[in-house]
Structure formats: C-alpha cells, structure tokens
C-alpha cells in the first residue's frame, strides 16, 4: 500500500470532467470512468460487465469473480453517465451488431484492458494530473475516499471483493499517513 497512489478528490473530479458528450466515444469513456470510480471494481471486472449485469432502476452492478458474485451500488453521477451512454452512444459503437458486453470499442468489439489503459492515460494527461494513473489508481482512490468519509470498513471490503479484511484495513493506515 506504501507505493499506491490515491488521487485527491479534486484530481478525481478533474479526471471525470474530461470526457464530455461531444462524441459517442466520449460518452462511453465518461460512463466507464464514472462507473469505475463509483464502484471500485477492477478494470477486468469493468470490461467484462454484460448488459444484464447492470440494474439501472436500483443503481447497482453485479460482478462475477470466479464462483463469487457481488452486487455493488453506484450513485447519480455514474447512473447519469451510463444512461447517456446506453441511450445515445452504445448503438452507434455497435454499428447495427448485437453485443452482450456493456462497453465496446469503436469497432463494436468488447473493450480491452489495453484500450481502457490508453483511455485513462489520455484523460489523466488532459486533466493535468502529473502522477502516473492506472485503472487501479481509481480503485484505490474509491476505497480511500470512502473510508476517509467514514464508510463502514466491512461494506468497503464487500464492494472491493476482498476475501481478507486486512487487505481493506490497509487503506486506513495509508489514509492516516496522508494526514
């Protein structure tokens, strides 16, 4: 946890503000970034989400991790970005094809880890964030921000899918060193 970079809330806001709604790609990118930060899922979980894994009515996603399954809530920002993506962008990316995956690339194929990696680097630079950002940085930031805001540690453990509470508790030590 020592070398883990956690973005400030201001850096997260700057990052999430980068993709607008000027193109279908930006709509998709915004939905991906918002959902990643709102849920703290791993990038592999994000890109493997299927349409059926999203409950827009209640506002949660279902992640499948081997034999385990976990339901993770998301808030208004992610819900709005997802709504725009689903209503206005996804069908354009698919170009008439069908696809079970929630997020696709510009060719209508499932988004890859490398594709998302490039996307987050691009928007991080555009936001003026000087440190190296990875998709995992958003996961760490999600956890650290929740815990520092007083969230229940076991709820954070469940959302992150940590088998061992000690893994999640490491964020408390990291946060204390930041203050």
Foldseek 3Di string as FASTA:
>chain_A
DVPADADDPVLLVLLLPQQDPPALVSLLLSLLSQVCLQQLEFVVQSLQFFPVQADLVQAWGWGDDPPDIAITGGDDSNSVSLVCNVVPRLCCQLVPDDDGTSHPDSVNHGQDLVNSQVSSQVSSVVSVPDDRDGSNNSSLNSLLVCVVVPHDLVVNCRSHVPPDSVVSCVSVVVNVVVD
